[in-house]
């Protein structure tokens, strides 16, 4: 069965794909066997190294408190970075140079600085210029670094998502008298969310992983920092690394799965119904200048324009 993007593989291509699949699975099995032998030769598979993870002490004392701090830093960073990134992304599209140029300078500046440097700088600022306690200072520094960096990246994502929309959406909004702010808030930005969602999810996964930088460099007691204390107490660094890696994989899988479900729901909800939206319902004017005297099909997708079902047929030359 052919598609617009590709042709269905023929018999030779199917055989080649099967061979490549078998070779890949064999190489993967060989790699796993080699890892198993290497760990077994170094006595890393002994039960005493993995037994602590079957007890509640290892989880309640080390891993769960670290995971809670990771989730806390992630939540604060996401809640602040998303609207801040959207604000700067929209500001970069402003017609006013006094808005567009400073917003672009801020975005490019913080996007060029490593997030670790931002965390270290914020930690020093909070330590020397504020009376914030040590524990709270570490959290504030991690959140500040994550917000500044990821908000600048998300600003570019928002700007690119809005620019990727068809120009007809903006032209249709202008035709019914919507101002630019109304067009951005009610027409362009809701559509751009669906376009931007994969990139936004990727950045959220980056936020989750970058919380570990605070634990390594400034002593923030997140998941990886808790693993370090656990490994020192039970003398099982390899086993603790594997368990923490699995926790990160599960956490990021939950985020991406939720985002995939949300993206599918948004795409299904934005399919055109073919209904005609009167200009009076939006509060604007028709393309011909009459208020409430016409209708235009302004939807949330590029192919949502429609004409009234009772429109007379167009005459053609015979």
C-alpha atoms as a PDB file:
ATOM      1  CA  UNK A   1       0.000   0.000   0.000  1.00  0.00           C
ATOM      2  CA  UNK A   2       1.537   3.298  -1.109  1.00  0.00           C
ATOM      3  CA  UNK A   3       1.436   6.647   0.642  1.00  0.00           C
ATOM      4  CA  UNK A   4       2.088  10.233  -0.314  1.00  0.00           C
ATOM      5  CA  UNK A   5       5.415  10.081   1.513  1.00  0.00           C
ATOM      6  CA  UNK A   6       6.708   6.669   0.479  1.00  0.00           C
ATOM      7  CA  UNK A   7       6.008   3.589  -1.643  1.00  0.00           C
ATOM      8  CA  UNK A   8       5.203   0.243  -0.123  1.00  0.00           C
ATOM      9  CA  UNK A   9       8.297  -2.014  -0.024  1.00  0.00           C
ATOM     10  CA  UNK A  10       8.509  -4.769  -2.573  1.00  0.00           C
ATOM     11  CA  UNK A  11       9.596  -8.386  -2.007  1.00  0.00           C
ATOM     12  CA  UNK A  12      13.331  -7.572  -2.070  1.00  0.00           C
ATOM     13  CA  UNK A  13      12.915  -4.643   0.305  1.00  0.00           C
ATOM     14  CA  UNK A  14      10.866  -6.775   2.693  1.00  0.00           C
ATOM     15  CA  UNK A  15      13.564  -9.457   2.723  1.00  0.00           C
ATOM     16  CA  UNK A  16      16.227  -6.819   3.318  1.00  0.00           C
ATOM     17  CA  UNK A  17      14.256  -5.338   6.203  1.00  0.00           C
ATOM     18  CA  UNK A  18      13.823  -8.760   7.790  1.00  0.00           C
ATOM     19  CA  UNK A  19      17.567  -9.458   7.489  1.00  0.00           C
ATOM     20  CA  UNK A  20      18.462  -6.097   9.017  1.00  0.00           C
ATOM     21  CA  UNK A  21      16.019  -6.683  11.865  1.00  0.00           C
ATOM     22  CA  UNK A  22      17.479 -10.106  12.624  1.00  0.00           C
ATOM     23  CA  UNK A  23      21.027  -8.717  12.542  1.00  0.00           C
ATOM     24  CA  UNK A  24      20.090  -5.847  14.868  1.00  0.00           C
ATOM     25  CA  UNK A  25      18.392  -8.163  17.363  1.00  0.00           C
ATOM     26  CA  UNK A  26      21.386 -10.511  17.286  1.00  0.00           C
ATOM     27  CA  UNK A  27      23.830  -7.647  17.909  1.00  0.00           C
ATOM     28  CA  UNK A  28      21.669  -6.311  20.731  1.00  0.00           C
ATOM     29  CA  UNK A  29      21.511  -9.764  22.341  1.00  0.00           C
ATOM     30  CA  UNK A  30      25.289 -10.076  21.975  1.00  0.00           C
ATOM     31  CA  UNK A  31      25.790  -6.683  23.653  1.00  0.00           C
ATOM     32  CA  UNK A  32      23.516  -7.609  26.561  1.00  0.00           C
ATOM     33  CA  UNK A  33      25.315 -10.951  26.962  1.00  0.00           C
ATOM     34  CA  UNK A  34      28.683  -9.153  27.036  1.00  0.00           C
ATOM     35  CA  UNK A  35      27.442  -6.714  29.672  1.00  0.00           C
ATOM     36  CA  UNK A  36      26.094  -9.582  31.731  1.00  0.00           C
ATOM     37  CA  UNK A  37      29.425 -11.463  31.566  1.00  0.00           C
ATOM     38  CA  UNK A  38      31.408  -8.305  32.390  1.00  0.00           C
ATOM     39  CA  UNK A  39      29.272  -7.513  35.436  1.00  0.00           C
ATOM     40  CA  UNK A  40      29.303 -11.134  36.581  1.00  0.00           C
ATOM     41  CA  UNK A  41      33.101 -11.302  36.318  1.00  0.00           C
ATOM     42  CA  UNK A  42      33.340  -8.239  38.604  1.00  0.00           C
ATOM     43  CA  UNK A  43      30.818  -9.710  41.090  1.00  0.00           C
ATOM     44  CA  UNK A  44      28.336  -6.922  40.374  1.00  0.00           C
ATOM     45  CA  UNK A  45      25.413  -9.353  40.137  1.00  0.00           C
ATOM     46  CA  UNK A  46      25.702 -10.664  43.676  1.00  0.00           C
ATOM     47  CA  UNK A  47      22.442 -10.530  45.570  1.00  0.00           C
ATOM     48  CA  UNK A  48      23.884  -8.544  48.480  1.00  0.00           C
ATOM     49  CA  UNK A  49      24.390  -5.564  46.152  1.00  0.00           C
ATOM     50  CA  UNK A  50      20.777  -5.584  44.970  1.00  0.00           C
ATOM     51  CA  UNK A  51      19.091  -6.652  48.192  1.00  0.00           C
ATOM     52  CA  UNK A  52      18.914  -3.089  49.651  1.00  0.00           C
ATOM     53  CA  UNK A  53      16.452  -2.100  46.928  1.00  0.00           C
ATOM     54  CA  UNK A  54      14.001  -4.697  48.222  1.00  0.00           C
ATOM     55  CA  UNK A  55      13.871  -2.982  51.624  1.00  0.00           C
ATOM     56  CA  UNK A  56      11.964   0.156  52.554  1.00  0.00           C
ATOM     57  CA  UNK A  57      14.981   1.830  54.159  1.00  0.00           C
ATOM     58  CA  UNK A  58      16.812   2.409  50.877  1.00  0.00           C
ATOM     59  CA  UNK A  59      13.733   3.978  49.327  1.00  0.00           C
ATOM     60  CA  UNK A  60      12.345   6.041  52.195  1.00  0.00           C
ATOM     61  CA  UNK A  61      15.747   7.291  53.372  1.00  0.00           C
ATOM     62  CA  UNK A  62      17.568   7.975  50.096  1.00  0.00           C
ATOM     63  CA  UNK A  63      15.709   7.501  46.818  1.00  0.00           C
ATOM     64  CA  UNK A  64      12.170   8.766  47.482  1.00  0.00           C
ATOM     65  CA  UNK A  65      13.257  12.036  49.177  1.00  0.00           C
ATOM     66  CA  UNK A  66      15.624  12.654  46.260  1.00  0.00           C
ATOM     67  CA  UNK A  67      12.885  11.856  43.748  1.00  0.00           C
ATOM     68  CA  UNK A  68      10.530  14.250  45.572  1.00  0.00           C
ATOM     69  CA  UNK A  69      13.070  17.072  45.268  1.00  0.00           C
ATOM     70  CA  UNK A  70      13.604  16.245  41.603  1.00  0.00           C
ATOM     71  CA  UNK A  71       9.877  16.443  40.945  1.00  0.00           C
ATOM     72  CA  UNK A  72       9.624  19.663  42.953  1.00  0.00           C
ATOM     73  CA  UNK A  73      12.402  21.369  40.985  1.00  0.00           C
ATOM     74  CA  UNK A  74      10.930  20.045  37.742  1.00  0.00           C
ATOM     75  CA  UNK A  75       7.439  21.297  38.557  1.00  0.00           C
ATOM     76  CA  UNK A  76       8.580  24.784  39.569  1.00  0.00           C
ATOM     77  CA  UNK A  77      10.782  25.066  36.487  1.00  0.00           C
ATOM     78  CA  UNK A  78       8.052  23.949  34.092  1.00  0.00           C
ATOM     79  CA  UNK A  79       5.360  26.162  35.621  1.00  0.00           C
ATOM     80  CA  UNK A  80       7.602  29.243  35.362  1.00  0.00           C
ATOM     81  CA  UNK A  81       9.482  28.477  32.127  1.00  0.00           C
ATOM     82  CA  UNK A  82       6.452  27.660  29.942  1.00  0.00           C
ATOM     83  CA  UNK A  83       4.569  30.968  30.283  1.00  0.00           C
ATOM     84  CA  UNK A  84       7.824  32.944  30.363  1.00  0.00           C
ATOM     85  CA  UNK A  85       9.008  31.262  27.172  1.00  0.00           C
ATOM     86  CA  UNK A  86       5.644  31.878  25.501  1.00  0.00           C
ATOM     87  CA  UNK A  87       5.797  35.555  26.508  1.00  0.00           C
ATOM     88  CA  UNK A  88       9.283  36.076  25.076  1.00  0.00           C
ATOM     89  CA  UNK A  89       8.453  34.045  21.965  1.00  0.00           C
ATOM     90  CA  UNK A  90       5.451  36.254  21.230  1.00  0.00           C
ATOM     91  CA  UNK A  91       7.473  39.371  22.058  1.00  0.00           C
ATOM     92  CA  UNK A  92      10.026  38.415  19.400  1.00  0.00           C
ATOM     93  CA  UNK A  93       7.221  38.560  16.839  1.00  0.00           C
ATOM     94  CA  UNK A  94       6.112  42.047  17.875  1.00  0.00           C
ATOM     95  CA  UNK A  95       5.878  44.824  15.274  1.00  0.00           C
ATOM     96  CA  UNK A  96       7.469  47.227  17.764  1.00  0.00           C
ATOM     97  CA  UNK A  97      11.259  47.244  17.681  1.00  0.00           C
ATOM     98  CA  UNK A  98      11.501  48.387  21.304  1.00  0.00           C
ATOM     99  CA  UNK A  99       9.773  45.117  22.263  1.00  0.00           C
ATOM    100  CA  UNK A 100      11.222  42.757  19.656  1.00  0.00           C
ATOM    101  CA  UNK A 101      14.917  43.673  19.985  1.00  0.00           C
ATOM    102  CA  UNK A 102      15.248  43.500  23.814  1.00  0.00           C
ATOM    103  CA  UNK A 103      13.277  40.224  23.878  1.00  0.00           C
ATOM    104  CA  UNK A 104      15.570  38.755  21.226  1.00  0.00           C
ATOM    105  CA  UNK A 105      18.673  39.896  23.122  1.00  0.00           C
ATOM    106  CA  UNK A 106      17.469  38.258  26.362  1.00  0.00           C
ATOM    107  CA  UNK A 107      16.600  35.006  24.594  1.00  0.00           C
ATOM    108  CA  UNK A 108      19.897  34.770  22.724  1.00  0.00           C
ATOM    109  CA  UNK A 109      21.898  35.652  25.842  1.00  0.00           C
ATOM    110  CA  UNK A 110      20.464  33.001  28.151  1.00  0.00           C
ATOM    111  CA  UNK A 111      20.274  30.401  25.404  1.00  0.00           C
ATOM    112  CA  UNK A 112      24.029  30.734  24.827  1.00  0.00           C
ATOM    113  CA  UNK A 113      25.016  30.187  28.483  1.00  0.00           C
ATOM    114  CA  UNK A 114      25.296  26.605  29.831  1.00  0.00           C
ATOM    115  CA  UNK A 115      22.592  25.776  32.329  1.00  0.00           C
ATOM    116  CA  UNK A 116      25.218  24.610  34.837  1.00  0.00           C
ATOM    117  CA  UNK A 117      26.870  28.044  34.795  1.00  0.00           C
ATOM    118  CA  UNK A 118      23.481  29.664  35.424  1.00  0.00           C
ATOM    119  CA  UNK A 119      22.910  27.372  38.425  1.00  0.00           C
ATOM    120  CA  UNK A 120      26.340  28.131  39.904  1.00  0.00           C
ATOM    121  CA  UNK A 121      25.906  31.862  39.370  1.00  0.00           C
ATOM    122  CA  UNK A 122      22.428  31.858  40.902  1.00  0.00           C
ATOM    123  CA  UNK A 123      23.676  29.875  43.894  1.00  0.00           C
ATOM    124  CA  UNK A 124      26.406  32.455  44.549  1.00  0.00           C
ATOM    125  CA  UNK A 125      23.951  35.333  44.185  1.00  0.00           C
ATOM    126  CA  UNK A 126      21.510  33.773  46.649  1.00  0.00           C
ATOM    127  CA  UNK A 127      24.354  32.959  49.059  1.00  0.00           C
ATOM    128  CA  UNK A 128      25.937  36.437  49.057  1.00  0.00           C
ATOM    129  CA  UNK A 129      22.958  38.719  48.493  1.00  0.00           C
ATOM    130  CA  UNK A 130      20.014  37.081  50.268  1.00  0.00           C
ATOM    131  CA  UNK A 131      19.145  35.488  53.598  1.00  0.00           C
ATOM    132  CA  UNK A 132      17.733  32.317  52.046  1.00  0.00           C
ATOM    133  CA  UNK A 133      18.599  29.138  53.965  1.00  0.00           C
ATOM    134  CA  UNK A 134      21.088  26.680  52.511  1.00  0.00           C
ATOM    135  CA  UNK A 135      18.519  24.016  51.622  1.00  0.00           C
ATOM    136  CA  UNK A 136      16.155  26.484  49.997  1.00  0.00           C
ATOM    137  CA  UNK A 137      19.047  28.275  48.290  1.00  0.00           C
ATOM    138  CA  UNK A 138      20.031  25.124  46.428  1.00  0.00           C
ATOM    139  CA  UNK A 139      16.476  24.616  45.200  1.00  0.00           C
ATOM    140  CA  UNK A 140      16.186  28.256  44.170  1.00  0.00           C
ATOM    141  CA  UNK A 141      19.490  28.095  42.301  1.00  0.00           C
ATOM    142  CA  UNK A 142      18.504  24.946  40.400  1.00  0.00           C
ATOM    143  CA  UNK A 143      15.086  26.349  39.477  1.00  0.00           C
ATOM    144  CA  UNK A 144      16.577  29.710  38.452  1.00  0.00           C
ATOM    145  CA  UNK A 145      19.128  28.110  36.145  1.00  0.00           C
ATOM    146  CA  UNK A 146      16.554  25.769  34.597  1.00  0.00           C
ATOM    147  CA  UNK A 147      14.014  28.577  34.098  1.00  0.00           C
ATOM    148  CA  UNK A 148      16.431  31.035  32.493  1.00  0.00           C
ATOM    149  CA  UNK A 149      17.845  28.510  30.055  1.00  0.00           C
ATOM    150  CA  UNK A 150      14.716  26.558  29.174  1.00  0.00           C
ATOM    151  CA  UNK A 151      12.502  29.634  28.905  1.00  0.00           C
ATOM    152  CA  UNK A 152      14.854  31.021  26.257  1.00  0.00           C
ATOM    153  CA  UNK A 153      14.754  27.724  24.355  1.00  0.00           C
ATOM    154  CA  UNK A 154      10.971  27.501  24.645  1.00  0.00           C
ATOM    155  CA  UNK A 155      10.709  31.085  23.374  1.00  0.00           C
ATOM    156  CA  UNK A 156      12.330  29.977  20.118  1.00  0.00           C
ATOM    157  CA  UNK A 157      10.026  26.968  19.984  1.00  0.00           C
ATOM    158  CA  UNK A 158       6.973  29.211  20.372  1.00  0.00           C
ATOM    159  CA  UNK A 159       8.220  31.661  17.750  1.00  0.00           C
ATOM    160  CA  UNK A 160       8.945  28.874  15.262  1.00  0.00           C
ATOM    161  CA  UNK A 161       5.588  27.218  15.943  1.00  0.00           C
ATOM    162  CA  UNK A 162       3.663  30.419  15.256  1.00  0.00           C
ATOM    163  CA  UNK A 163       5.644  31.196  12.110  1.00  0.00           C
ATOM    164  CA  UNK A 164       4.968  27.661  10.834  1.00  0.00           C
ATOM    165  CA  UNK A 165       1.226  28.315  10.637  1.00  0.00           C
ATOM    166  CA  UNK A 166      -0.327  29.188   7.262  1.00  0.00           C
ATOM    167  CA  UNK A 167      -0.594  32.917   6.590  1.00  0.00           C
ATOM    168  CA  UNK A 168      -4.240  32.442   5.717  1.00  0.00           C
ATOM    169  CA  UNK A 169      -5.072  32.166   9.407  1.00  0.00           C
ATOM    170  CA  UNK A 170      -3.791  35.680  10.105  1.00  0.00           C
ATOM    171  CA  UNK A 171      -5.360  37.077   6.930  1.00  0.00           C
ATOM    172  CA  UNK A 172      -8.751  35.607   7.799  1.00  0.00           C
ATOM    173  CA  UNK A 173      -8.584  37.042  11.310  1.00  0.00           C
ATOM    174  CA  UNK A 174      -7.721  40.461   9.916  1.00  0.00           C
ATOM    175  CA  UNK A 175     -10.574  40.189   7.428  1.00  0.00           C
ATOM    176  CA  UNK A 176     -13.141  39.964  10.225  1.00  0.00           C
ATOM    177  CA  UNK A 177     -11.579  42.845  12.155  1.00  0.00           C
ATOM    178  CA  UNK A 178      -9.631  41.063  14.882  1.00  0.00           C
ATOM    179  CA  UNK A 179      -6.753  42.997  16.390  1.00  0.00           C
ATOM    180  CA  UNK A 180      -3.281  41.463  16.476  1.00  0.00           C
ATOM    181  CA  UNK A 181      -3.558  40.578  20.161  1.00  0.00           C
ATOM    182  CA  UNK A 182      -6.876  38.840  19.576  1.00  0.00           C
ATOM    183  CA  UNK A 183      -5.476  37.022  16.554  1.00  0.00           C
ATOM    184  CA  UNK A 184      -2.484  35.799  18.540  1.00  0.00           C
ATOM    185  CA  UNK A 185      -4.439  34.727  21.616  1.00  0.00           C
ATOM    186  CA  UNK A 186      -7.497  33.143  20.003  1.00  0.00           C
ATOM    187  CA  UNK A 187      -6.313  31.973  16.576  1.00  0.00           C
ATOM    188  CA  UNK A 188      -2.543  31.508  16.225  1.00  0.00           C
ATOM    189  CA  UNK A 189      -1.332  30.442  19.666  1.00  0.00           C
ATOM    190  CA  UNK A 190      -3.933  27.666  20.195  1.00  0.00           C
ATOM    191  CA  UNK A 191      -3.040  26.183  16.801  1.00  0.00           C
ATOM    192  CA  UNK A 192       0.687  26.512  17.408  1.00  0.00           C
ATOM    193  CA  UNK A 193       0.440  24.477  20.623  1.00  0.00           C
ATOM    194  CA  UNK A 194      -0.196  21.317  18.614  1.00  0.00           C
ATOM    195  CA  UNK A 195       2.732  22.081  16.306  1.00  0.00           C
ATOM    196  CA  UNK A 196       5.043  22.881  19.220  1.00  0.00           C
ATOM    197  CA  UNK A 197       4.062  20.021  21.512  1.00  0.00           C
ATOM    198  CA  UNK A 198       6.772  17.499  20.465  1.00  0.00           C
ATOM    199  CA  UNK A 199       9.517  20.102  20.924  1.00  0.00           C
ATOM    200  CA  UNK A 200       8.032  21.248  24.225  1.00  0.00           C
ATOM    201  CA  UNK A 201       7.947  17.662  25.517  1.00  0.00           C
ATOM    202  CA  UNK A 202      11.591  17.186  24.537  1.00  0.00           C
ATOM    203  CA  UNK A 203      12.485  20.270  26.522  1.00  0.00           C
ATOM    204  CA  UNK A 204      10.514  19.039  29.536  1.00  0.00           C
ATOM    205  CA  UNK A 205      12.520  15.820  29.462  1.00  0.00           C
ATOM    206  CA  UNK A 206      15.686  17.939  29.390  1.00  0.00           C
ATOM    207  CA  UNK A 207      14.473  19.800  32.486  1.00  0.00           C
ATOM    208  CA  UNK A 208      13.997  16.517  34.360  1.00  0.00           C
ATOM    209  CA  UNK A 209      17.508  15.340  33.534  1.00  0.00           C
ATOM    210  CA  UNK A 210      19.190  18.697  34.161  1.00  0.00           C
ATOM    211  CA  UNK A 211      18.025  18.720  37.781  1.00  0.00           C
ATOM    212  CA  UNK A 212      20.836  16.218  38.351  1.00  0.00           C
ATOM    213  CA  UNK A 213      23.389  18.977  37.626  1.00  0.00           C
ATOM    214  CA  UNK A 214      22.311  20.742  40.798  1.00  0.00           C
ATOM    215  CA  UNK A 215      22.919  17.611  42.831  1.00  0.00           C
ATOM    216  CA  UNK A 216      26.408  17.088  41.438  1.00  0.00           C
ATOM    217  CA  UNK A 217      27.681  20.674  41.542  1.00  0.00           C
ATOM    218  CA  UNK A 218      25.876  22.526  44.355  1.00  0.00           C
ATOM    219  CA  UNK A 219      24.741  19.667  46.598  1.00  0.00           C
ATOM    220  CA  UNK A 220      21.026  19.807  45.846  1.00  0.00           C
ATOM    221  CA  UNK A 221      19.515  16.638  47.337  1.00  0.00           C
ATOM    222  CA  UNK A 222      17.797  15.354  44.207  1.00  0.00           C
ATOM    223  CA  UNK A 223      17.562  11.765  42.968  1.00  0.00           C
ATOM    224  CA  UNK A 224      21.143  11.398  41.737  1.00  0.00           C
ATOM    225  CA  UNK A 225      22.509  13.001  44.904  1.00  0.00           C
ATOM    226  CA  UNK A 226      20.447  10.582  47.006  1.00  0.00           C
ATOM    227  CA  UNK A 227      21.870   7.713  44.951  1.00  0.00           C
ATOM    228  CA  UNK A 228      25.385   8.830  45.812  1.00  0.00           C
ATOM    229  CA  UNK A 229      24.675   8.661  49.542  1.00  0.00           C
ATOM    230  CA  UNK A 230      22.953   5.297  49.159  1.00  0.00           C
ATOM    231  CA  UNK A 231      25.867   3.858  47.156  1.00  0.00           C
ATOM    232  CA  UNK A 232      28.345   5.013  49.800  1.00  0.00           C
ATOM    233  CA  UNK A 233      26.309   3.372  52.562  1.00  0.00           C
ATOM    234  CA  UNK A 234      25.609   0.048  50.833  1.00  0.00           C
ATOM    235  CA  UNK A 235      28.763  -0.052  48.645  1.00  0.00           C
ATOM    236  CA  UNK A 236      26.796  -0.798  45.458  1.00  0.00           C
ATOM    237  CA  UNK A 237      27.518   2.047  42.989  1.00  0.00           C
ATOM    238  CA  UNK A 238      26.802   0.066  39.806  1.00  0.00           C
ATOM    239  CA  UNK A 239      23.516  -1.322  41.081  1.00  0.00           C
ATOM    240  CA  UNK A 240      22.416   2.100  42.335  1.00  0.00           C
ATOM    241  CA  UNK A 241      23.255   3.700  38.987  1.00  0.00           C
ATOM    242  CA  UNK A 242      21.120   1.117  37.184  1.00  0.00           C
ATOM    243  CA  UNK A 243      18.162   1.551  39.532  1.00  0.00           C
ATOM    244  CA  UNK A 244      18.257   5.349  39.280  1.00  0.00           C
ATOM    245  CA  UNK A 245      18.561   5.141  35.487  1.00  0.00           C
ATOM    246  CA  UNK A 246      15.425   2.972  35.402  1.00  0.00           C
ATOM    247  CA  UNK A 247      13.606   5.554  37.555  1.00  0.00           C
ATOM    248  CA  UNK A 248      14.573   8.342  35.144  1.00  0.00           C
ATOM    249  CA  UNK A 249      13.429   6.244  32.181  1.00  0.00           C
ATOM    250  CA  UNK A 250      10.055   5.555  33.795  1.00  0.00           C
ATOM    251  CA  UNK A 251       9.602   9.228  34.716  1.00  0.00           C
ATOM    252  CA  UNK A 252      10.410  10.468  31.218  1.00  0.00           C
ATOM    253  CA  UNK A 253       8.256   7.743  29.684  1.00  0.00           C
ATOM    254  CA  UNK A 254       5.283   8.957  31.726  1.00  0.00           C
ATOM    255  CA  UNK A 255       5.871  12.525  30.510  1.00  0.00           C
ATOM    256  CA  UNK A 256       6.163  11.552  26.844  1.00  0.00           C
ATOM    257  CA  UNK A 257       3.176   9.203  27.037  1.00  0.00           C
ATOM    258  CA  UNK A 258       0.997  11.920  28.542  1.00  0.00           C
ATOM    259  CA  UNK A 259       2.191  14.369  25.901  1.00  0.00           C
ATOM    260  CA  UNK A 260       1.409  11.912  23.103  1.00  0.00           C
ATOM    261  CA  UNK A 261      -2.091  11.414  24.477  1.00  0.00           C
ATOM    262  CA  UNK A 262      -2.570  15.176  24.814  1.00  0.00           C
ATOM    263  CA  UNK A 263      -1.310  15.816  21.291  1.00  0.00           C
ATOM    264  CA  UNK A 264      -3.705  13.242  19.834  1.00  0.00           C
ATOM    265  CA  UNK A 265      -6.588  14.725  21.792  1.00  0.00           C
ATOM    266  CA  UNK A 266      -5.759  18.238  20.600  1.00  0.00           C
ATOM    267  CA  UNK A 267      -5.503  17.122  16.981  1.00  0.00           C
ATOM    268  CA  UNK A 268      -8.840  15.316  17.156  1.00  0.00           C
ATOM    269  CA  UNK A 269     -10.464  18.303  18.811  1.00  0.00           C
ATOM    270  CA  UNK A 270      -9.207  20.714  16.151  1.00  0.00           C
ATOM    271  CA  UNK A 271     -10.594  18.889  13.160  1.00  0.00           C
ATOM    272  CA  UNK A 272     -12.936  21.085  11.152  1.00  0.00           C
ATOM    273  CA  UNK A 273     -16.636  20.477  11.485  1.00  0.00           C
ATOM    274  CA  UNK A 274     -17.410  22.506   8.387  1.00  0.00           C
ATOM    275  CA  UNK A 275     -19.597  24.867  10.409  1.00  0.00           C
ATOM    276  CA  UNK A 276     -19.885  28.499   9.427  1.00  0.00           C
ATOM    277  CA  UNK A 277     -18.991  31.026  12.120  1.00  0.00           C
ATOM    278  CA  UNK A 278     -20.858  34.329  11.829  1.00  0.00           C
ATOM    279  CA  UNK A 279     -18.707  37.407  12.103  1.00  0.00           C
ATOM    280  CA  UNK A 280     -21.114  38.827  14.675  1.00  0.00           C
ATOM    281  CA  UNK A 281     -20.315  35.891  16.963  1.00  0.00           C
ATOM    282  CA  UNK A 282     -16.661  36.965  17.024  1.00  0.00           C
ATOM    283  CA  UNK A 283     -17.488  40.614  17.379  1.00  0.00           C
ATOM    284  CA  UNK A 284     -15.823  41.682  14.159  1.00  0.00           C
ATOM    285  CA  UNK A 285     -16.878  42.681  10.682  1.00  0.00           C
ATOM    286  CA  UNK A 286     -17.075  40.813   7.444  1.00  0.00           C
ATOM    287  CA  UNK A 287     -14.614  41.088   4.619  1.00  0.00           C
ATOM    288  CA  UNK A 288     -16.970  43.463   2.799  1.00  0.00           C
ATOM    289  CA  UNK A 289     -17.164  45.812   5.770  1.00  0.00           C
ATOM    290  CA  UNK A 290     -20.733  45.054   6.892  1.00  0.00           C
ATOM    291  CA  UNK A 291     -21.162  44.256  10.564  1.00  0.00           C
ATOM    292  CA  UNK A 292     -22.808  40.908  11.141  1.00  0.00           C
ATOM    293  CA  UNK A 293     -23.893  40.725   7.535  1.00  0.00           C
ATOM    294  CA  UNK A 294     -21.861  37.710   6.494  1.00  0.00           C
ATOM    295  CA  UNK A 295     -19.991  34.695   7.724  1.00  0.00           C
ATOM    296  CA  UNK A 296     -16.557  33.251   7.404  1.00  0.00           C
ATOM    297  CA  UNK A 297     -15.287  29.794   8.236  1.00  0.00           C
ATOM    298  CA  UNK A 298     -12.448  30.572  10.641  1.00  0.00           C
ATOM    299  CA  UNK A 299     -11.319  27.391  12.339  1.00  0.00           C
ATOM    300  CA  UNK A 300      -8.260  26.010  14.040  1.00  0.00           C
ATOM    301  CA  UNK A 301      -6.684  24.314  11.064  1.00  0.00           C
ATOM    302  CA  UNK A 302      -5.383  25.295   7.647  1.00  0.00           C
ATOM    303  CA  UNK A 303      -8.268  23.636   5.807  1.00  0.00           C
ATOM    304  CA  UNK A 304     -11.158  24.857   7.872  1.00  0.00           C
ATOM    305  CA  UNK A 305     -12.541  27.559   5.636  1.00  0.00           C
ATOM    306  CA  UNK A 306     -15.995  26.707   4.312  1.00  0.00           C
ATOM    307  CA  UNK A 307     -18.850  28.386   2.544  1.00  0.00           C
ATOM    308  CA  UNK A 308     -22.491  28.397   3.561  1.00  0.00           C
ATOM    309  CA  UNK A 309     -24.286  25.228   2.616  1.00  0.00           C
ATOM    310  CA  UNK A 310     -27.152  27.220   1.087  1.00  0.00           C
ATOM    311  CA  UNK A 311     -24.908  29.267  -1.217  1.00  0.00           C
ATOM    312  CA  UNK A 312     -26.125  29.286  -4.829  1.00  0.00           C
ATOM    313  CA  UNK A 313     -24.051  27.306  -7.325  1.00  0.00           C
ATOM    314  CA  UNK A 314     -21.424  29.282  -9.201  1.00  0.00           C
ATOM    315  CA  UNK A 315     -22.256  29.952 -12.850  1.00  0.00           C
ATOM    316  CA  UNK A 316     -19.816  28.609 -15.412  1.00  0.00           C
ATOM    317  CA  UNK A 317     -19.385  29.427 -19.083  1.00  0.00           C
ATOM    318  CA  UNK A 318     -20.698  26.774 -21.420  1.00  0.00           C
END
